[in-house]
């Protein structure tokens, strides 16, 4: 549900804050769910918080090494920060 609202909110900060609180509740129920962590990181990217999003993607990648979403997210964060050499690695 949080993902749906986040994608259609037009990056409105107030709505993203609500969807992030929904995800925090979901993580309290399933703390090692990589998808939940990846979604938080994606929403942090929507807010322009790329450093924090990168750290969350890193954490998500430790929970499920087969999930590629955190890897793609980390690359996206580096590209948005103009760290193209780091993104290429």
N, C-alpha and C. Protein backbone atom coordinates (compact mmCIF):
# COMPACT_ATOMS: atom_id res chain seq x y z
N UNK A 1 0.82 -1.19 0.00
CA UNK A 1 0.00 0.00 0.00
C UNK A 1 0.88 1.26 0.00
N UNK A 2 1.93 1.27 0.81
CA UNK A 2 2.81 2.43 0.89
C UNK A 2 3.47 2.70 -0.46
N UNK A 3 3.85 1.64 -1.15
CA UNK A 3 4.51 1.80 -2.45
C UNK A 3 3.56 2.46 -3.45
N UNK A 4 2.33 2.02 -3.47
CA UNK A 4 1.35 2.56 -4.39
C UNK A 4 1.17 4.07 -4.19
N UNK A 5 0.96 4.48 -2.95
CA UNK A 5 0.77 5.91 -2.67
C UNK A 5 2.03 6.71 -2.98
N UNK A 6 3.19 6.13 -2.67
CA UNK A 6 4.45 6.84 -2.91
C UNK A 6 4.67 7.09 -4.39
N UNK A 7 4.28 6.14 -5.23
CA UNK A 7 4.50 6.28 -6.66
C UNK A 7 3.56 7.31 -7.30
N UNK A 8 2.40 7.49 -6.72
CA UNK A 8 1.42 8.40 -7.31
C UNK A 8 1.31 9.75 -6.61
N UNK A 9 2.15 10.01 -5.63
CA UNK A 9 1.99 11.24 -4.85
C UNK A 9 2.67 12.44 -5.47
N UNK A 10 3.41 12.25 -6.54
CA UNK A 10 4.10 13.38 -7.15
C UNK A 10 5.23 13.92 -6.29
N UNK A 11 5.84 13.05 -5.51
CA UNK A 11 6.95 13.41 -4.62
C UNK A 11 6.58 14.43 -3.55
N UNK A 12 5.32 14.45 -3.19
CA UNK A 12 4.90 15.36 -2.11
C UNK A 12 5.45 14.84 -0.79
N UNK A 13 6.18 15.69 -0.14
CA UNK A 13 6.89 15.29 1.07
C UNK A 13 5.96 14.80 2.17
N UNK A 14 4.83 15.46 2.37
CA UNK A 14 3.90 15.07 3.43
C UNK A 14 3.38 13.64 3.22
N UNK A 15 3.08 13.32 1.98
CA UNK A 15 2.58 11.97 1.69
C UNK A 15 3.70 10.95 1.85
N UNK A 16 4.90 11.29 1.37
CA UNK A 16 6.02 10.36 1.52
C UNK A 16 6.35 10.12 3.00
N UNK A 17 6.21 11.12 3.83
CA UNK A 17 6.44 10.92 5.26
C UNK A 17 5.43 9.91 5.83
N UNK A 18 4.20 9.98 5.37
CA UNK A 18 3.17 9.02 5.83
C UNK A 18 3.48 7.61 5.34
N UNK A 19 3.89 7.50 4.07
CA UNK A 19 4.20 6.16 3.55
C UNK A 19 5.45 5.59 4.22
N UNK A 20 6.40 6.46 4.56
CA UNK A 20 7.58 5.99 5.29
C UNK A 20 7.21 5.49 6.68
N UNK A 21 6.26 6.14 7.32
CA UNK A 21 5.83 5.66 8.64
C UNK A 21 5.11 4.32 8.51
N UNK A 22 4.37 4.12 7.41
CA UNK A 22 3.74 2.82 7.17
C UNK A 22 4.81 1.74 7.00
N UNK A 23 5.87 2.07 6.29
CA UNK A 23 6.95 1.10 6.10
C UNK A 23 7.71 0.83 7.39
N UNK A 24 7.87 1.84 8.23
CA UNK A 24 8.51 1.62 9.53
C UNK A 24 7.72 0.61 10.35
N UNK A 25 6.40 0.71 10.28
CA UNK A 25 5.55 -0.26 10.99
C UNK A 25 5.72 -1.65 10.40
N UNK A 26 5.79 -1.75 9.08
CA UNK A 26 5.99 -3.04 8.43
C UNK A 26 7.33 -3.65 8.83
N UNK A 27 8.36 -2.82 8.93
CA UNK A 27 9.68 -3.32 9.32
C UNK A 27 9.69 -3.77 10.78
N UNK A 28 8.90 -3.12 11.61
CA UNK A 28 8.84 -3.56 13.00
C UNK A 28 8.25 -4.98 13.10
N UNK A 29 7.42 -5.35 12.12
CA UNK A 29 6.83 -6.69 12.10
C UNK A 29 7.75 -7.70 11.42
N UNK A 30 8.49 -7.27 10.40
CA UNK A 30 9.41 -8.15 9.67
C UNK A 30 10.73 -7.40 9.45
N UNK A 31 11.58 -7.35 10.48
CA UNK A 31 12.77 -6.50 10.42
C UNK A 31 13.82 -6.90 9.37
N UNK A 32 13.79 -8.12 8.89
CA UNK A 32 14.80 -8.54 7.91
C UNK A 32 14.22 -8.71 6.51
N UNK A 33 13.16 -7.98 6.22
CA UNK A 33 12.54 -8.04 4.90
C UNK A 33 13.25 -7.05 3.97
N UNK A 34 14.00 -7.57 3.02
CA UNK A 34 14.79 -6.73 2.12
C UNK A 34 13.91 -5.82 1.27
N UNK A 35 12.74 -6.30 0.89
CA UNK A 35 11.85 -5.49 0.06
C UNK A 35 11.36 -4.25 0.80
N UNK A 36 11.06 -4.40 2.08
CA UNK A 36 10.61 -3.25 2.87
C UNK A 36 11.72 -2.21 2.97
N UNK A 37 12.94 -2.68 3.24
CA UNK A 37 14.08 -1.76 3.35
C UNK A 37 14.35 -1.08 2.00
N UNK A 38 14.26 -1.84 0.93
CA UNK A 38 14.48 -1.27 -0.40
C UNK A 38 13.44 -0.21 -0.73
N UNK A 39 12.20 -0.43 -0.31
CA UNK A 39 11.16 0.55 -0.57
C UNK A 39 11.40 1.83 0.22
N UNK A 40 11.86 1.70 1.45
CA UNK A 40 12.20 2.90 2.23
C UNK A 40 13.31 3.67 1.51
N UNK A 41 14.32 2.96 1.04
CA UNK A 41 15.42 3.62 0.34
C UNK A 41 14.93 4.30 -0.93
N UNK A 42 14.03 3.66 -1.66
CA UNK A 42 13.48 4.26 -2.88
C UNK A 42 12.74 5.55 -2.56
N UNK A 43 12.01 5.55 -1.46
CA UNK A 43 11.28 6.76 -1.08
C UNK A 43 12.22 7.84 -0.58
N UNK A 44 13.31 7.44 0.05
CA UNK A 44 14.33 8.43 0.45
C UNK A 44 14.93 9.08 -0.80
N UNK A 45 15.09 8.29 -1.87
CA UNK A 45 15.57 8.85 -3.14
C UNK A 45 14.59 9.87 -3.67
N UNK A 46 13.30 9.58 -3.55
CA UNK A 46 12.29 10.53 -4.02
C UNK A 46 12.38 11.85 -3.26
N UNK A 47 12.84 11.78 -2.02
CA UNK A 47 13.01 12.98 -1.21
C UNK A 47 14.37 13.64 -1.44
N UNK A 48 15.22 13.01 -2.26
CA UNK A 48 16.54 13.57 -2.55
C UNK A 48 17.58 13.22 -1.50
N UNK A 49 17.29 12.29 -0.63
CA UNK A 49 18.21 11.89 0.45
C UNK A 49 19.02 10.68 -0.01
N UNK A 50 19.93 10.89 -0.94
CA UNK A 50 20.64 9.79 -1.59
C UNK A 50 21.66 9.10 -0.68
N UNK A 51 22.32 9.84 0.18
CA UNK A 51 23.28 9.20 1.09
C UNK A 51 22.58 8.23 2.04
N UNK A 52 21.48 8.68 2.61
CA UNK A 52 20.72 7.82 3.52
C UNK A 52 20.12 6.64 2.76
N UNK A 53 19.62 6.89 1.56
CA UNK A 53 19.05 5.81 0.74
C UNK A 53 20.11 4.76 0.42
N UNK A 54 21.31 5.20 0.10
CA UNK A 54 22.40 4.28 -0.22
C UNK A 54 22.69 3.35 0.97
N UNK A 55 22.75 3.93 2.16
CA UNK A 55 23.02 3.13 3.36
C UNK A 55 21.90 2.11 3.60
N UNK A 56 20.66 2.50 3.36
CA UNK A 56 19.54 1.59 3.55
C UNK A 56 19.58 0.48 2.50
N UNK A 57 19.91 0.82 1.26
CA UNK A 57 20.05 -0.21 0.22
C UNK A 57 21.15 -1.20 0.60
N UNK A 58 22.25 -0.70 1.15
CA UNK A 58 23.33 -1.60 1.59
C UNK A 58 22.82 -2.58 2.65
N UNK A 59 22.07 -2.07 3.61
CA UNK A 59 21.51 -2.91 4.66
C UNK A 59 20.55 -3.94 4.06
N UNK A 60 19.73 -3.51 3.13
CA UNK A 60 18.76 -4.41 2.49
C UNK A 60 19.46 -5.54 1.76
N UNK A 61 20.59 -5.24 1.16
CA UNK A 61 21.31 -6.27 0.40
C UNK A 61 21.87 -7.36 1.31
N UNK A 62 22.04 -7.07 2.57
CA UNK A 62 22.54 -8.09 3.49
C UNK A 62 21.45 -9.07 3.91
N UNK A 63 20.20 -8.66 3.80
CA UNK A 63 19.10 -9.52 4.21
C UNK A 63 18.76 -10.57 3.16
N UNK A 64 18.89 -10.23 1.89
CA UNK A 64 18.56 -11.15 0.80
C UNK A 64 19.52 -10.90 -0.35
N UNK A 65 20.55 -11.72 -0.44
CA UNK A 65 21.59 -11.51 -1.44
C UNK A 65 21.12 -11.80 -2.86
N UNK A 66 19.98 -12.48 -3.02
CA UNK A 66 19.46 -12.78 -4.35
C UNK A 66 18.57 -11.67 -4.89
N UNK A 67 18.18 -10.74 -4.04
CA UNK A 67 17.32 -9.63 -4.44
C UNK A 67 18.18 -8.55 -5.10
N UNK A 68 17.89 -8.25 -6.34
CA UNK A 68 18.71 -7.29 -7.09
C UNK A 68 18.28 -5.84 -6.90
N UNK A 69 17.12 -5.61 -6.34
CA UNK A 69 16.62 -4.25 -6.16
C UNK A 69 17.58 -3.37 -5.35
N UNK A 70 18.14 -3.89 -4.24
CA UNK A 70 19.09 -3.04 -3.50
C UNK A 70 20.33 -2.68 -4.32
N UNK A 71 20.82 -3.61 -5.13
CA UNK A 71 21.99 -3.32 -5.96
C UNK A 71 21.67 -2.23 -6.98
N UNK A 72 20.54 -2.36 -7.66
CA UNK A 72 20.14 -1.33 -8.62
C UNK A 72 19.93 0.02 -7.92
N UNK A 73 19.38 -0.03 -6.72
CA UNK A 73 19.18 1.20 -5.96
C UNK A 73 20.49 1.87 -5.58
N UNK A 74 21.47 1.08 -5.19
CA UNK A 74 22.77 1.66 -4.84
C UNK A 74 23.40 2.32 -6.07
N UNK A 75 23.28 1.68 -7.22
CA UNK A 75 23.81 2.26 -8.46
C UNK A 75 23.09 3.57 -8.78
N UNK A 76 21.77 3.56 -8.64
CA UNK A 76 20.98 4.77 -8.89
C UNK A 76 21.42 5.92 -7.99
N UNK A 77 21.64 5.63 -6.72
CA UNK A 77 22.08 6.68 -5.77
C UNK A 77 23.41 7.27 -6.20
N UNK A 78 24.34 6.42 -6.59
CA UNK A 78 25.65 6.91 -7.01
C UNK A 78 25.55 7.77 -8.27
N UNK A 79 24.70 7.35 -9.20
CA UNK A 79 24.53 8.13 -10.43
C UNK A 79 23.92 9.49 -10.11
N UNK A 80 22.93 9.53 -9.23
CA UNK A 80 22.29 10.79 -8.87
C UNK A 80 23.25 11.74 -8.16
N UNK A 81 24.28 11.18 -7.53
CA UNK A 81 25.28 12.00 -6.84
C UNK A 81 26.48 12.29 -7.73
N UNK A 82 26.38 11.97 -9.01
CA UNK A 82 27.47 12.16 -9.98
C UNK A 82 28.74 11.41 -9.59
N UNK A 83 28.58 10.28 -8.96
CA UNK A 83 29.72 9.42 -8.62
C UNK A 83 29.72 8.23 -9.59
N UNK A 84 29.97 8.55 -10.86
CA UNK A 84 29.83 7.57 -11.92
C UNK A 84 30.85 6.44 -11.83
N UNK A 85 32.04 6.75 -11.39
CA UNK A 85 33.05 5.69 -11.25
C UNK A 85 32.64 4.68 -10.19
N UNK A 86 32.10 5.17 -9.07
CA UNK A 86 31.62 4.27 -8.03
C UNK A 86 30.44 3.45 -8.53
N UNK A 87 29.58 4.06 -9.32
CA UNK A 87 28.40 3.36 -9.85
C UNK A 87 28.82 2.24 -10.81
N UNK A 88 29.90 2.46 -11.54
CA UNK A 88 30.38 1.46 -12.48
C UNK A 88 30.97 0.23 -11.83
N UNK A 89 31.34 0.34 -10.58
CA UNK A 89 31.94 -0.81 -9.89
C UNK A 89 30.83 -1.68 -9.41
